[in-house]
PDB file of N, CA and C in Angstrom:
ATOM      1  N   UNK A   1     228.513 278.395 132.032  1.00  0.00           N
ATOM      2  CA  UNK A   1     227.270 277.750 131.665  1.00  0.00           C
ATOM      3  C   UNK A   1     227.015 277.977 130.179  1.00  0.00           C
ATOM      4  N   UNK A   2     226.585 276.957 129.515  1.00  0.00           N
ATOM      5  CA  UNK A   2     226.262 277.034 128.092  1.00  0.00           C
ATOM      6  C   UNK A   2     224.808 277.432 127.907  1.00  0.00           C
ATOM      7  N   UNK A   3     224.493 277.814 126.690  1.00  0.00           N
ATOM      8  CA  UNK A   3     223.111 278.135 126.348  1.00  0.00           C
ATOM      9  C   UNK A   3     222.372 276.890 125.906  1.00  0.00           C
ATOM     10  N   UNK A   4     221.061 276.934 126.045  1.00  0.00           N
ATOM     11  CA  UNK A   4     220.208 275.855 125.572  1.00  0.00           C
ATOM     12  C   UNK A   4     220.098 275.976 124.051  1.00  0.00           C
ATOM     13  N   UNK A   5     220.308 274.864 123.378  1.00  0.00           N
ATOM     14  CA  UNK A   5     220.184 274.870 121.916  1.00  0.00           C
ATOM     15  C   UNK A   5     219.048 273.948 121.501  1.00  0.00           C
ATOM     16  N   UNK A   6     218.449 274.246 120.377  1.00  0.00           N
ATOM     17  CA  UNK A   6     217.396 273.420 119.804  1.00  0.00           C
ATOM     18  C   UNK A   6     218.028 272.535 118.741  1.00  0.00           C
ATOM     19  N   UNK A   7     218.240 271.281 119.068  1.00  0.00           N
ATOM     20  CA  UNK A   7     218.797 270.309 118.124  1.00  0.00           C
ATOM     21  C   UNK A   7     217.623 269.730 117.337  1.00  0.00           C
ATOM     22  N   UNK A   8     217.253 270.400 116.250  1.00  0.00           N
ATOM     23  CA  UNK A   8     216.064 269.997 115.489  1.00  0.00           C
ATOM     24  C   UNK A   8     216.236 268.623 114.836  1.00  0.00           C
ATOM     25  N   UNK A   9     217.457 268.249 114.508  1.00  0.00           N
ATOM     26  CA  UNK A   9     217.692 266.917 113.922  1.00  0.00           C
ATOM     27  C   UNK A   9     217.290 265.803 114.877  1.00  0.00           C
ATOM     28  N   UNK A  10     217.505 266.028 116.165  1.00  0.00           N
ATOM     29  CA  UNK A  10     217.182 265.008 117.174  1.00  0.00           C
ATOM     30  C   UNK A  10     215.887 265.320 117.910  1.00  0.00           C
ATOM     31  N   UNK A  11     215.223 266.421 117.531  1.00  0.00           N
ATOM     32  CA  UNK A  11     213.978 266.853 118.190  1.00  0.00           C
ATOM     33  C   UNK A  11     214.150 266.944 119.700  1.00  0.00           C
ATOM     34  N   UNK A  12     215.188 267.685 120.086  1.00  0.00           N
ATOM     35  CA  UNK A  12     215.389 267.892 121.514  1.00  0.00           C
ATOM     36  C   UNK A  12     216.161 269.178 121.769  1.00  0.00           C
ATOM     37  N   UNK A  13     215.873 269.759 122.911  1.00  0.00           N
ATOM     38  CA  UNK A  13     216.657 270.879 123.395  1.00  0.00           C
ATOM     39  C   UNK A  13     217.797 270.306 124.214  1.00  0.00           C
ATOM     40  N   UNK A  14     218.957 270.944 124.131  1.00  0.00           N
ATOM     41  CA  UNK A  14     220.137 270.435 124.826  1.00  0.00           C
ATOM     42  C   UNK A  14     220.841 271.548 125.582  1.00  0.00           C
ATOM     43  N   UNK A  15     221.388 271.187 126.720  1.00  0.00           N
ATOM     44  CA  UNK A  15     222.215 272.074 127.518  1.00  0.00           C
ATOM     45  C   UNK A  15     223.454 271.288 127.920  1.00  0.00           C
ATOM     46  N   UNK A  16     224.601 271.793 127.512  1.00  0.00           N
ATOM     47  CA  UNK A  16     225.857 271.135 127.880  1.00  0.00           C
ATOM     48  C   UNK A  16     226.508 271.915 129.007  1.00  0.00           C
ATOM     49  N   UNK A  17     226.834 271.207 130.077  1.00  0.00           N
ATOM     50  CA  UNK A  17     227.540 271.779 131.218  1.00  0.00           C
ATOM     51  C   UNK A  17     228.555 270.760 131.713  1.00  0.00           C
ATOM     52  N   UNK A  18     229.716 271.218 132.059  1.00  0.00           N
ATOM     53  CA  UNK A  18     230.782 270.354 132.576  1.00  0.00           C
ATOM     54  C   UNK A  18     231.054 269.190 131.624  1.00  0.00           C
ATOM     55  N   UNK A  19     230.869 269.417 130.338  1.00  0.00           N
ATOM     56  CA  UNK A  19     231.096 268.370 129.349  1.00  0.00           C
ATOM     57  C   UNK A  19     230.020 267.302 129.321  1.00  0.00           C
ATOM     58  N   UNK A  20     228.937 267.528 130.043  1.00  0.00           N
ATOM     59  CA  UNK A  20     227.831 266.559 130.105  1.00  0.00           C
ATOM     60  C   UNK A  20     226.570 267.204 129.559  1.00  0.00           C
ATOM     61  N   UNK A  21     225.540 266.390 129.311  1.00  0.00           N
ATOM     62  CA  UNK A  21     224.361 266.866 128.616  1.00  0.00           C
ATOM     63  C   UNK A  21     223.093 266.682 129.433  1.00  0.00           C
ATOM     64  N   UNK A  22     222.270 267.722 129.406  1.00  0.00           N
ATOM     65  CA  UNK A  22     220.872 267.625 129.845  1.00  0.00           C
ATOM     66  C   UNK A  22     220.047 267.879 128.589  1.00  0.00           C
ATOM     67  N   UNK A  23     218.937 267.164 128.439  1.00  0.00           N
ATOM     68  CA  UNK A  23     218.156 267.330 127.223  1.00  0.00           C
ATOM     69  C   UNK A  23     216.671 267.146 127.494  1.00  0.00           C
ATOM     70  N   UNK A  24     215.876 267.703 126.580  1.00  0.00           N
ATOM     71  CA  UNK A  24     214.422 267.577 126.635  1.00  0.00           C
ATOM     72  C   UNK A  24     213.930 267.169 125.253  1.00  0.00           C
ATOM     73  N   UNK A  25     213.411 265.957 125.140  1.00  0.00           N
ATOM     74  CA  UNK A  25     212.842 265.484 123.875  1.00  0.00           C
ATOM     75  C   UNK A  25     211.489 266.149 123.662  1.00  0.00           C
ATOM     76  N   UNK A  26     211.214 266.531 122.435  1.00  0.00           N
ATOM     77  CA  UNK A  26     209.955 267.218 122.147  1.00  0.00           C
ATOM     78  C   UNK A  26     209.411 266.846 120.778  1.00  0.00           C
ATOM     79  N   UNK A  27     208.153 267.250 120.566  1.00  0.00           N
ATOM     80  CA  UNK A  27     207.520 267.246 119.250  1.00  0.00           C
ATOM     81  C   UNK A  27     206.795 268.575 119.127  1.00  0.00           C
ATOM     82  N   UNK A  28     206.835 269.168 117.963  1.00  0.00           N
ATOM     83  CA  UNK A  28     206.042 270.369 117.683  1.00  0.00           C
ATOM     84  C   UNK A  28     204.811 269.906 116.905  1.00  0.00           C
ATOM     85  N   UNK A  29     203.638 270.149 117.473  1.00  0.00           N
ATOM     86  CA  UNK A  29     202.393 269.705 116.861  1.00  0.00           C
ATOM     87  C   UNK A  29     201.351 270.822 116.975  1.00  0.00           C
ATOM     88  N   UNK A  30     200.928 271.346 115.840  1.00  0.00           N
ATOM     89  CA  UNK A  30     199.815 272.308 115.798  1.00  0.00           C
ATOM     90  C   UNK A  30     199.941 273.427 116.832  1.00  0.00           C
ATOM     91  N   UNK A  31     201.050 274.124 116.826  1.00  0.00           N
ATOM     92  CA  UNK A  31     201.224 275.256 117.735  1.00  0.00           C
ATOM     93  C   UNK A  31     201.507 274.878 119.167  1.00  0.00           C
ATOM     94  N   UNK A  32     201.866 273.612 119.366  1.00  0.00           N
ATOM     95  CA  UNK A  32     202.176 273.128 120.712  1.00  0.00           C
ATOM     96  C   UNK A  32     203.578 272.519 120.732  1.00  0.00           C
ATOM     97  N   UNK A  33     204.238 272.667 121.866  1.00  0.00           N
ATOM     98  CA  UNK A  33     205.513 272.007 122.110  1.00  0.00           C
ATOM     99  C   UNK A  33     205.234 270.910 123.131  1.00  0.00           C
ATOM    100  N   UNK A  34     205.257 269.673 122.663  1.00  0.00           N
ATOM    101  CA  UNK A  34     204.961 268.522 123.515  1.00  0.00           C
ATOM    102  C   UNK A  34     206.282 268.006 124.077  1.00  0.00           C
ATOM    103  N   UNK A  35     206.439 268.116 125.392  1.00  0.00           N
ATOM    104  CA  UNK A  35     207.680 267.677 126.056  1.00  0.00           C
ATOM    105  C   UNK A  35     207.502 266.251 126.550  1.00  0.00           C
ATOM    106  N   UNK A  36     208.170 265.331 125.870  1.00  0.00           N
ATOM    107  CA  UNK A  36     208.012 263.911 126.166  1.00  0.00           C
ATOM    108  C   UNK A  36     208.930 263.425 127.284  1.00  0.00           C
ATOM    109  N   UNK A  37     210.122 263.992 127.380  1.00  0.00           N
ATOM    110  CA  UNK A  37     211.105 263.454 128.331  1.00  0.00           C
ATOM    111  C   UNK A  37     212.187 264.493 128.594  1.00  0.00           C
ATOM    112  N   UNK A  38     212.520 264.681 129.859  1.00  0.00           N
ATOM    113  CA  UNK A  38     213.628 265.557 130.266  1.00  0.00           C
ATOM    114  C   UNK A  38     214.599 264.699 131.061  1.00  0.00           C
ATOM    115  N   UNK A  39     215.876 264.825 130.727  1.00  0.00           N
ATOM    116  CA  UNK A  39     216.888 264.005 131.412  1.00  0.00           C
ATOM    117  C   UNK A  39     218.183 264.786 131.534  1.00  0.00           C
ATOM    118  N   UNK A  40     218.871 264.564 132.650  1.00  0.00           N
ATOM    119  CA  UNK A  40     220.198 265.144 132.851  1.00  0.00           C
ATOM    120  C   UNK A  40     221.179 264.014 133.137  1.00  0.00           C
ATOM    121  N   UNK A  41     222.389 264.172 132.639  1.00  0.00           N
ATOM    122  CA  UNK A  41     223.435 263.182 132.931  1.00  0.00           C
ATOM    123  C   UNK A  41     223.574 263.054 134.451  1.00  0.00           C
ATOM    124  N   UNK A  42     223.868 261.861 134.945  1.00  0.00           N
ATOM    125  CA  UNK A  42     223.954 261.646 136.391  1.00  0.00           C
ATOM    126  C   UNK A  42     224.827 262.671 137.127  1.00  0.00           C
ATOM    127  N   UNK A  43     225.943 263.074 136.543  1.00  0.00           N
ATOM    128  CA  UNK A  43     226.818 264.025 137.243  1.00  0.00           C
ATOM    129  C   UNK A  43     226.205 265.422 137.325  1.00  0.00           C
ATOM    130  N   UNK A  44     225.194 265.703 136.510  1.00  0.00           N
ATOM    131  CA  UNK A  44     224.539 267.014 136.539  1.00  0.00           C
ATOM    132  C   UNK A  44     223.350 267.053 137.493  1.00  0.00           C
ATOM    133  N   UNK A  45     222.884 265.910 137.931  1.00  0.00           N
ATOM    134  CA  UNK A  45     221.714 265.865 138.809  1.00  0.00           C
ATOM    135  C   UNK A  45     222.034 266.551 140.131  1.00  0.00           C
ATOM    136  N   UNK A  46     221.120 267.389 140.553  1.00  0.00           N
ATOM    137  CA  UNK A  46     221.311 268.135 141.793  1.00  0.00           C
ATOM    138  C   UNK A  46     222.061 269.443 141.609  1.00  0.00           C
ATOM    139  N   UNK A  47     222.468 269.757 140.381  1.00  0.00           N
ATOM    140  CA  UNK A  47     223.222 270.994 140.130  1.00  0.00           C
ATOM    141  C   UNK A  47     222.336 272.121 139.599  1.00  0.00           C
ATOM    142  N   UNK A  48     221.085 271.815 139.304  1.00  0.00           N
ATOM    143  CA  UNK A  48     220.188 272.806 138.719  1.00  0.00           C
ATOM    144  C   UNK A  48     220.216 272.833 137.206  1.00  0.00           C
ATOM    145  N   UNK A  49     220.969 271.942 136.599  1.00  0.00           N
ATOM    146  CA  UNK A  49     221.082 271.924 135.137  1.00  0.00           C
ATOM    147  C   UNK A  49     219.735 271.684 134.464  1.00  0.00           C
ATOM    148  N   UNK A  50     218.937 270.773 134.993  1.00  0.00           N
ATOM    149  CA  UNK A  50     217.637 270.494 134.389  1.00  0.00           C
ATOM    150  C   UNK A  50     216.729 271.723 134.475  1.00  0.00           C
ATOM    151  N   UNK A  51     216.812 272.449 135.566  1.00  0.00           N
ATOM    152  CA  UNK A  51     216.037 273.679 135.697  1.00  0.00           C
ATOM    153  C   UNK A  51     216.485 274.738 134.705  1.00  0.00           C
ATOM    154  N   UNK A  52     217.777 274.865 134.509  1.00  0.00           N
ATOM    155  CA  UNK A  52     218.290 275.820 133.511  1.00  0.00           C
ATOM    156  C   UNK A  52     217.866 275.409 132.105  1.00  0.00           C
ATOM    157  N   UNK A  53     217.880 274.094 131.861  1.00  0.00           N
ATOM    158  CA  UNK A  53     217.389 273.587 130.585  1.00  0.00           C
ATOM    159  C   UNK A  53     215.925 273.967 130.398  1.00  0.00           C
ATOM    160  N   UNK A  54     215.096 273.727 131.411  1.00  0.00           N
ATOM    161  CA  UNK A  54     213.673 274.046 131.309  1.00  0.00           C
ATOM    162  C   UNK A  54     213.442 275.534 131.078  1.00  0.00           C
ATOM    163  N   UNK A  55     214.223 276.375 131.703  1.00  0.00           N
ATOM    164  CA  UNK A  55     214.080 277.817 131.476  1.00  0.00           C
ATOM    165  C   UNK A  55     214.317 278.142 130.002  1.00  0.00           C
ATOM    166  N   UNK A  56     215.341 277.522 129.412  1.00  0.00           N
ATOM    167  CA  UNK A  56     215.623 277.738 127.999  1.00  0.00           C
ATOM    168  C   UNK A  56     214.525 277.197 127.104  1.00  0.00           C
ATOM    169  N   UNK A  57     214.005 276.030 127.439  1.00  0.00           N
ATOM    170  CA  UNK A  57     212.930 275.417 126.658  1.00  0.00           C
ATOM    171  C   UNK A  57     211.687 276.306 126.703  1.00  0.00           C
ATOM    172  N   UNK A  58     211.337 276.761 127.886  1.00  0.00           N
ATOM    173  CA  UNK A  58     210.135 277.575 128.037  1.00  0.00           C
ATOM    174  C   UNK A  58     210.298 278.949 127.399  1.00  0.00           C
ATOM    175  N   UNK A  59     211.499 279.486 127.446  1.00  0.00           N
ATOM    176  CA  UNK A  59     211.767 280.758 126.756  1.00  0.00           C
ATOM    177  C   UNK A  59     211.601 280.584 125.253  1.00  0.00           C
ATOM    178  N   UNK A  60     212.060 279.466 124.723  1.00  0.00           N
ATOM    179  CA  UNK A  60     211.910 279.193 123.285  1.00  0.00           C
ATOM    180  C   UNK A  60     210.439 279.045 122.917  1.00  0.00           C
ATOM    181  N   UNK A  61     209.686 278.322 123.742  1.00  0.00           N
ATOM    182  CA  UNK A  61     208.255 278.153 123.475  1.00  0.00           C
ATOM    183  C   UNK A  61     207.555 279.510 123.472  1.00  0.00           C
ATOM    184  N   UNK A  62     207.878 280.338 124.445  1.00  0.00           N
ATOM    185  CA  UNK A  62     207.273 281.667 124.536  1.00  0.00           C
ATOM    186  C   UNK A  62     207.631 282.504 123.304  1.00  0.00           C
ATOM    187  N   UNK A  63     208.893 282.476 122.906  1.00  0.00           N
ATOM    188  CA  UNK A  63     209.353 283.264 121.758  1.00  0.00           C
ATOM    189  C   UNK A  63     208.668 282.828 120.465  1.00  0.00           C
ATOM    190  N   UNK A  64     208.356 281.528 120.369  1.00  0.00           N
ATOM    191  CA  UNK A  64     207.707 280.999 119.167  1.00  0.00           C
ATOM    192  C   UNK A  64     206.187 281.044 119.248  1.00  0.00           C
ATOM    193  N   UNK A  65     205.661 281.487 120.383  1.00  0.00           N
ATOM    194  CA  UNK A  65     204.213 281.540 120.552  1.00  0.00           C
ATOM    195  C   UNK A  65     203.571 280.177 120.683  1.00  0.00           C
ATOM    196  N   UNK A  66     204.310 279.213 121.218  1.00  0.00           N
ATOM    197  CA  UNK A  66     203.808 277.841 121.362  1.00  0.00           C
ATOM    198  C   UNK A  66     203.230 277.618 122.755  1.00  0.00           C
ATOM    199  N   UNK A  67     202.202 276.804 122.835  1.00  0.00           N
ATOM    200  CA  UNK A  67     201.717 276.300 124.119  1.00  0.00           C
ATOM    201  C   UNK A  67     202.530 275.056 124.444  1.00  0.00           C
ATOM    202  N   UNK A  68     202.663 274.747 125.725  1.00  0.00           N
ATOM    203  CA  UNK A  68     203.482 273.619 126.162  1.00  0.00           C
ATOM    204  C   UNK A  68     202.588 272.517 126.722  1.00  0.00           C
ATOM    205  N   UNK A  69     202.860 271.296 126.291  1.00  0.00           N
ATOM    206  CA  UNK A  69     202.169 270.112 126.797  1.00  0.00           C
ATOM    207  C   UNK A  69     203.233 269.236 127.457  1.00  0.00           C
ATOM    208  N   UNK A  70     203.333 269.278 128.790  1.00  0.00           N
ATOM    209  CA  UNK A  70     204.379 268.511 129.483  1.00  0.00           C
ATOM    210  C   UNK A  70     203.929 267.087 129.792  1.00  0.00           C
ATOM    211  N   UNK A  71     204.319 266.146 128.948  1.00  0.00           N
ATOM    212  CA  UNK A  71     204.036 264.735 129.208  1.00  0.00           C
ATOM    213  C   UNK A  71     204.986 264.184 130.267  1.00  0.00           C
ATOM    214  N   UNK A  72     206.176 264.720 130.310  1.00  0.00           N
ATOM    215  CA  UNK A  72     207.201 264.311 131.269  1.00  0.00           C
ATOM    216  C   UNK A  72     206.847 264.844 132.664  1.00  0.00           C
ATOM    217  N   UNK A  73     206.935 263.989 133.663  1.00  0.00           N
ATOM    218  CA  UNK A  73     206.570 264.401 135.020  1.00  0.00           C
ATOM    219  C   UNK A  73     207.480 265.516 135.540  1.00  0.00           C
ATOM    220  N   UNK A  74     208.762 265.489 135.171  1.00  0.00           N
ATOM    221  CA  UNK A  74     209.663 266.556 135.619  1.00  0.00           C
ATOM    222  C   UNK A  74     209.237 267.894 135.014  1.00  0.00           C
ATOM    223  N   UNK A  75     208.957 267.909 133.713  1.00  0.00           N
ATOM    224  CA  UNK A  75     208.551 269.148 133.049  1.00  0.00           C
ATOM    225  C   UNK A  75     207.255 269.677 133.663  1.00  0.00           C
ATOM    226  N   UNK A  76     206.295 268.800 133.909  1.00  0.00           N
ATOM    227  CA  UNK A  76     205.025 269.220 134.509  1.00  0.00           C
ATOM    228  C   UNK A  76     205.245 269.794 135.900  1.00  0.00           C
ATOM    229  N   UNK A  77     206.056 269.135 136.707  1.00  0.00           N
ATOM    230  CA  UNK A  77     206.329 269.613 138.062  1.00  0.00           C
ATOM    231  C   UNK A  77     207.073 270.946 138.034  1.00  0.00           C
ATOM    232  N   UNK A  78     208.000 271.096 137.105  1.00  0.00           N
ATOM    233  CA  UNK A  78     208.760 272.346 137.001  1.00  0.00           C
ATOM    234  C   UNK A  78     207.821 273.515 136.708  1.00  0.00           C
ATOM    235  N   UNK A  79     206.914 273.314 135.775  1.00  0.00           N
ATOM    236  CA  UNK A  79     205.979 274.381 135.414  1.00  0.00           C
ATOM    237  C   UNK A  79     205.034 274.675 136.582  1.00  0.00           C
ATOM    238  N   UNK A  80     204.573 273.645 137.287  1.00  0.00           N
ATOM    239  CA  UNK A  80     203.718 273.854 138.463  1.00  0.00           C
ATOM    240  C   UNK A  80     204.431 274.679 139.529  1.00  0.00           C
ATOM    241  N   UNK A  81     205.726 274.421 139.722  1.00  0.00           N
ATOM    242  CA  UNK A  81     206.492 275.126 140.756  1.00  0.00           C
ATOM    243  C   UNK A  81     206.853 276.556 140.366  1.00  0.00           C
ATOM    244  N   UNK A  82     206.788 276.875 139.099  1.00  0.00           N
ATOM    245  CA  UNK A  82     207.182 278.205 138.611  1.00  0.00           C
ATOM    246  C   UNK A  82     205.984 278.846 137.911  1.00  0.00           C
ATOM    247  N   UNK A  83     205.175 279.519 138.703  1.00  0.00           N
ATOM    248  CA  UNK A  83     203.894 280.039 138.216  1.00  0.00           C
ATOM    249  C   UNK A  83     204.033 280.999 137.034  1.00  0.00           C
ATOM    250  N   UNK A  84     205.184 281.626 136.887  1.00  0.00           N
ATOM    251  CA  UNK A  84     205.359 282.566 135.772  1.00  0.00           C
ATOM    252  C   UNK A  84     205.276 281.878 134.410  1.00  0.00           C
ATOM    253  N   UNK A  85     205.348 280.552 134.388  1.00  0.00           N
ATOM    254  CA  UNK A  85     205.289 279.803 133.131  1.00  0.00           C
ATOM    255  C   UNK A  85     203.928 279.135 132.892  1.00  0.00           C
ATOM    256  N   UNK A  86     203.033 279.220 133.837  1.00  0.00           N
ATOM    257  CA  UNK A  86     201.775 278.497 133.709  1.00  0.00           C
ATOM    258  C   UNK A  86     200.907 278.993 132.566  1.00  0.00           C
ATOM    259  N   UNK A  87     201.137 280.218 132.106  1.00  0.00           N
ATOM    260  CA  UNK A  87     200.367 280.719 130.964  1.00  0.00           C
ATOM    261  C   UNK A  87     200.731 279.982 129.671  1.00  0.00           C
ATOM    262  N   UNK A  88     201.846 279.251 129.686  1.00  0.00           N
ATOM    263  CA  UNK A  88     202.252 278.486 128.503  1.00  0.00           C
ATOM    264  C   UNK A  88     201.510 277.159 128.376  1.00  0.00           C
ATOM    265  N   UNK A  89     200.879 276.734 129.465  1.00  0.00           N
ATOM    266  CA  UNK A  89     200.171 275.460 129.427  1.00  0.00           C
ATOM    267  C   UNK A  89     198.919 275.571 128.585  1.00  0.00           C
ATOM    268  N   UNK A  90     198.623 274.492 127.888  1.00  0.00           N
ATOM    269  CA  UNK A  90     197.423 274.473 127.050  1.00  0.00           C
ATOM    270  C   UNK A  90     196.217 274.178 127.911  1.00  0.00           C
TER     271      UNK A  90
END
């Protein structure tokens, strides 16, 4: 498994697994990490890759002291299902 990287040029976090990509598009605005879209390559769906990506994204937000604004329904649902991350919500 690869680590989640912050591709600042493309404003997205990326996780490469099995030669495929899962990513989360974001914007940093006034101390907030706004998650606009989370997507995993079709072959990664159902493997937990998107969840591993979200763990990396949320760890980065926590490390930077950012609040998270999940515009993406997947990101919002992930945070709802994992109560340990709810303190990151604005």
